Amino acid sequence: VQLVESGGGLVQTGGSLRLSCAVSGFTFDDYVIGWFRQVPGKEREGVACISKRHEDTYYSRSVKGRFTMSTDIAKSTVYLEMTNLKPDDTAVYYCAADRAHDQTHSIMVVTKCPSLAFRSWGHGTQVTVSS
C-alpha cells in the first residue's frame, strides 16, 4: 500500500486548498481511508475518515462544514477539499488507509477516526494558513 499526498501550501485566512492523495496497492471497496493532521507537540488529529465502499464519512467538529473528503476511484485518488481556512488549520496533513477488519473497526473509523485504526501512511503535506 502506498499513499502520496500533494496540494499543500501557503494560503490566507478564508482561502481554500484541495489536497490529493494518490493511492496504490489496494481496492477502495476493501479499505477505510482517512485524512489526519498534526502540529509539533500535539497528537495527530483525525480530520475526516471514510468507511469501505464510502458508505459513511466522519468529520471532526473543527472542520465539519468546511472540509469535504471525496474519492475518485478511476484516478485512485482521495481528496480533501478545504474551504474557509483558518490559522488553526495550519498543520502537516497525512493520508492513511487500512483494510477494513471487522464491524468494530469500521464503526470506530466513522465515529472517532482514530489514527490507531490505520497502518499505512503517507509522508504528509504542509498546509500553512496566514492570518
C-alpha atoms as a PDB file:
ATOM      1  CA  VAL A   1       0.000   0.000   0.000  1.00  0.00           C
ATOM      2  CA  GLN A   2       1.368   3.410  -0.982  1.00  0.00           C
ATOM      3  CA  LEU A   3      -0.064   6.834  -0.343  1.00  0.00           C
ATOM      4  CA  VAL A   4       1.398  10.102  -1.636  1.00  0.00           C
ATOM      5  CA  GLU A   5      -0.071  13.440  -0.569  1.00  0.00           C
ATOM      6  CA  SER A   6       0.162  16.678  -2.533  1.00  0.00           C
ATOM      7  CA  GLY A   7      -1.525  20.060  -2.761  1.00  0.00           C
ATOM      8  CA  GLY A   8      -0.362  21.694   0.436  1.00  0.00           C
ATOM      9  CA  GLY A   9       0.901  25.245   0.526  1.00  0.00           C
ATOM     10  CA  LEU A  10       0.505  28.723   1.963  1.00  0.00           C
ATOM     11  CA  VAL A  11      -2.931  30.330   1.894  1.00  0.00           C
ATOM     12  CA  GLN A  12      -4.550  33.327   3.563  1.00  0.00           C
ATOM     13  CA  THR A  13      -7.308  33.091   6.131  1.00  0.00           C
ATOM     14  CA  GLY A  14     -10.593  32.400   4.378  1.00  0.00           C
ATOM     15  CA  GLY A  15      -8.900  30.780   1.416  1.00  0.00           C
ATOM     16  CA  SER A  16      -9.218  27.267   0.009  1.00  0.00           C
ATOM     17  CA  LEU A  17      -6.967  24.356  -0.841  1.00  0.00           C
ATOM     18  CA  ARG A  18      -7.505  20.887  -2.237  1.00  0.00           C
ATOM     19  CA  LEU A  19      -5.245  18.134  -1.004  1.00  0.00           C
ATOM     20  CA  SER A  20      -4.764  14.991  -3.068  1.00  0.00           C
ATOM     21  CA  CYS A  21      -3.657  11.538  -2.005  1.00  0.00           C
ATOM     22  CA  ALA A  22      -2.591   9.190  -4.781  1.00  0.00           C
ATOM     23  CA  VAL A  23      -3.079   5.620  -3.617  1.00  0.00           C
ATOM     24  CA  SER A  24      -1.929   2.260  -4.894  1.00  0.00           C
ATOM     25  CA  GLY A  25      -1.824  -1.332  -3.755  1.00  0.00           C
ATOM     26  CA  PHE A  26      -5.387  -1.742  -2.562  1.00  0.00           C
ATOM     27  CA  THR A  27      -9.014  -1.796  -3.591  1.00  0.00           C
ATOM     28  CA  PHE A  28     -11.186   1.064  -2.365  1.00  0.00           C
ATOM     29  CA  ASP A  29     -14.058  -1.282  -1.609  1.00  0.00           C
ATOM     30  CA  ASP A  30     -11.998  -3.164   0.999  1.00  0.00           C
ATOM     31  CA  TYR A  31     -10.262  -0.266   2.731  1.00  0.00           C
ATOM     32  CA  VAL A  32     -11.036   2.560   5.104  1.00  0.00           C
ATOM     33  CA  ILE A  33      -9.284   5.847   4.372  1.00  0.00           C
ATOM     34  CA  GLY A  34      -8.615   8.907   6.450  1.00  0.00           C
ATOM     35  CA  TRP A  35      -7.117  12.378   6.492  1.00  0.00           C
ATOM     36  CA  PHE A  36      -5.208  13.448   9.580  1.00  0.00           C
ATOM     37  CA  ARG A  37      -3.231  16.476  10.650  1.00  0.00           C
ATOM     38  CA  GLN A  38      -0.522  17.153  13.167  1.00  0.00           C
ATOM     39  CA  VAL A  39       1.264  20.166  14.575  1.00  0.00           C
ATOM     40  CA  PRO A  40       4.510  19.931  16.560  1.00  0.00           C
ATOM     41  CA  GLY A  41       3.936  18.948  20.171  1.00  0.00           C
ATOM     42  CA  LYS A  42       0.366  17.782  19.635  1.00  0.00           C
ATOM     43  CA  GLU A  43      -1.257  14.441  18.904  1.00  0.00           C
ATOM     44  CA  ARG A  44      -2.265  13.549  15.387  1.00  0.00           C
ATOM     45  CA  GLU A  45      -5.896  14.558  14.830  1.00  0.00           C
ATOM     46  CA  GLY A  46      -8.384  12.720  12.675  1.00  0.00           C
ATOM     47  CA  VAL A  47      -9.917  15.255  10.294  1.00  0.00           C
ATOM     48  CA  ALA A  48     -12.041  13.063   8.021  1.00  0.00           C
ATOM     49  CA  CYS A  49     -12.493   9.330   7.635  1.00  0.00           C
ATOM     50  CA  ILE A  50     -14.461   7.257   5.196  1.00  0.00           C
ATOM     51  CA  SER A  51     -15.729   3.716   5.504  1.00  0.00           C
ATOM     52  CA  LYS A  52     -15.180   0.998   2.917  1.00  0.00           C
ATOM     53  CA  ARG A  53     -17.427   1.387  -0.092  1.00  0.00           C
ATOM     54  CA  HIS A  54     -17.761   5.014   1.070  1.00  0.00           C
ATOM     55  CA  GLU A  55     -20.967   4.365   2.945  1.00  0.00           C
ATOM     56  CA  ASP A  56     -20.206   6.725   5.827  1.00  0.00           C
ATOM     57  CA  THR A  57     -17.932   9.716   6.385  1.00  0.00           C
ATOM     58  CA  TYR A  58     -16.711  11.218   9.645  1.00  0.00           C
ATOM     59  CA  TYR A  59     -15.609  14.830  10.051  1.00  0.00           C
ATOM     60  CA  SER A  60     -14.068  16.290  13.168  1.00  0.00           C
ATOM     61  CA  ARG A  61     -16.035  19.042  14.844  1.00  0.00           C
ATOM     62  CA  SER A  62     -13.357  21.578  13.993  1.00  0.00           C
ATOM     63  CA  VAL A  63     -13.684  21.090  10.226  1.00  0.00           C
ATOM     64  CA  LYS A  64     -17.274  19.974   9.713  1.00  0.00           C
ATOM     65  CA  GLY A  65     -18.991  22.201   7.191  1.00  0.00           C
ATOM     66  CA  ARG A  66     -15.681  23.479   5.818  1.00  0.00           C
ATOM     67  CA  PHE A  67     -13.825  20.340   4.665  1.00  0.00           C
ATOM     68  CA  THR A  68     -15.060  17.678   2.273  1.00  0.00           C
ATOM     69  CA  MET A  69     -13.461  14.288   1.693  1.00  0.00           C
ATOM     70  CA  SER A  70     -14.044  12.536  -1.608  1.00  0.00           C
ATOM     71  CA  THR A  71     -12.616   9.761  -3.737  1.00  0.00           C
ATOM     72  CA  ASP A  72     -12.050   9.265  -7.450  1.00  0.00           C
ATOM     73  CA  ILE A  73     -11.728   5.538  -7.948  1.00  0.00           C
ATOM     74  CA  ALA A  74     -10.805   5.857 -11.620  1.00  0.00           C
ATOM     75  CA  LYS A  75      -7.859   8.067 -10.688  1.00  0.00           C
ATOM     76  CA  SER A  76      -7.027   6.124  -7.496  1.00  0.00           C
ATOM     77  CA  THR A  77      -7.046   9.405  -5.647  1.00  0.00           C
ATOM     78  CA  VAL A  78      -8.530  10.663  -2.413  1.00  0.00           C
ATOM     79  CA  TYR A  79      -9.201  14.374  -1.961  1.00  0.00           C
ATOM     80  CA  LEU A  80      -9.667  16.743   0.924  1.00  0.00           C
ATOM     81  CA  GLU A  81     -11.326  19.956  -0.174  1.00  0.00           C
ATOM     82  CA  MET A  82     -10.679  22.637   2.441  1.00  0.00           C
ATOM     83  CA  THR A  83     -12.565  25.938   2.451  1.00  0.00           C
ATOM     84  CA  ASN A  84     -12.776  28.947   4.766  1.00  0.00           C
ATOM     85  CA  LEU A  85      -9.356  28.051   6.128  1.00  0.00           C
ATOM     86  CA  LYS A  86      -8.250  29.393   9.498  1.00  0.00           C
ATOM     87  CA  PRO A  87      -4.802  29.770  11.088  1.00  0.00           C
ATOM     88  CA  ASP A  88      -5.690  26.855  13.409  1.00  0.00           C
ATOM     89  CA  ASP A  89      -5.823  24.622  10.321  1.00  0.00           C
ATOM     90  CA  THR A  90      -2.062  25.024   9.916  1.00  0.00           C
ATOM     91  CA  ALA A  91      -0.515  21.554  10.170  1.00  0.00           C
ATOM     92  CA  VAL A  92       1.068  18.710   8.262  1.00  0.00           C
ATOM     93  CA  TYR A  93      -1.745  16.742   6.656  1.00  0.00           C
ATOM     94  CA  TYR A  94      -1.487  12.994   6.212  1.00  0.00           C
ATOM     95  CA  CYS A  95      -3.455  10.462   4.244  1.00  0.00           C
ATOM     96  CA  ALA A  96      -3.886   6.983   5.758  1.00  0.00           C
ATOM     97  CA  ALA A  97      -5.507   3.692   4.843  1.00  0.00           C
ATOM     98  CA  ASP A  98      -6.123   0.236   6.223  1.00  0.00           C
ATOM     99  CA  ARG A  99      -8.075  -2.847   5.319  1.00  0.00           C
ATOM    100  CA  ALA A 100     -11.489  -2.843   6.957  1.00  0.00           C
ATOM    101  CA  HIS A 101     -11.005  -5.531   9.637  1.00  0.00           C
ATOM    102  CA  ASP A 102     -14.487  -6.083  11.028  1.00  0.00           C
ATOM    103  CA  GLN A 103     -17.591  -4.213  12.098  1.00  0.00           C
ATOM    104  CA  THR A 104     -15.963  -2.909  15.279  1.00  0.00           C
ATOM    105  CA  HIS A 105     -13.112  -1.423  13.283  1.00  0.00           C
ATOM    106  CA  SER A 106     -15.479   0.125  10.750  1.00  0.00           C
ATOM    107  CA  ILE A 107     -17.652   1.690  13.453  1.00  0.00           C
ATOM    108  CA  MET A 108     -14.578   3.106  15.181  1.00  0.00           C
ATOM    109  CA  VAL A 109     -13.367   4.672  11.925  1.00  0.00           C
ATOM    110  CA  VAL A 110     -16.593   6.520  11.149  1.00  0.00           C
ATOM    111  CA  THR A 111     -17.366   7.579  14.730  1.00  0.00           C
ATOM    112  CA  LYS A 112     -13.930   8.558  16.070  1.00  0.00           C
ATOM    113  CA  CYS A 113     -11.490   8.490  13.138  1.00  0.00           C
ATOM    114  CA  PRO A 114      -8.565   7.470  15.380  1.00  0.00           C
ATOM    115  CA  SER A 115      -5.040   7.262  13.997  1.00  0.00           C
ATOM    116  CA  LEU A 116      -4.530   3.849  15.640  1.00  0.00           C
ATOM    117  CA  ALA A 117      -7.097   2.384  13.247  1.00  0.00           C
ATOM    118  CA  PHE A 118      -4.748   2.921  10.292  1.00  0.00           C
ATOM    119  CA  ARG A 119      -1.488   1.126   9.474  1.00  0.00           C
ATOM    120  CA  SER A 120      -0.460   2.668   6.150  1.00  0.00           C
ATOM    121  CA  TRP A 121       0.503   6.329   5.988  1.00  0.00           C
ATOM    122  CA  GLY A 122       1.772   8.871   3.516  1.00  0.00           C
ATOM    123  CA  HIS A 123       4.607  11.270   4.263  1.00  0.00           C
ATOM    124  CA  GLY A 124       2.393  14.314   4.643  1.00  0.00           C
ATOM    125  CA  THR A 125       1.982  17.726   3.049  1.00  0.00           C
ATOM    126  CA  GLN A 126       2.326  21.055   4.835  1.00  0.00           C
ATOM    127  CA  VAL A 127      -0.612  23.443   4.978  1.00  0.00           C
ATOM    128  CA  THR A 128       0.024  26.931   6.334  1.00  0.00           C
ATOM    129  CA  VAL A 129      -2.770  29.453   6.804  1.00  0.00           C
ATOM    130  CA  SER A 130      -1.635  33.021   7.370  1.00  0.00           C
ATOM    131  CA  SER A 131      -3.673  35.470   9.438  1.00  0.00           C
END
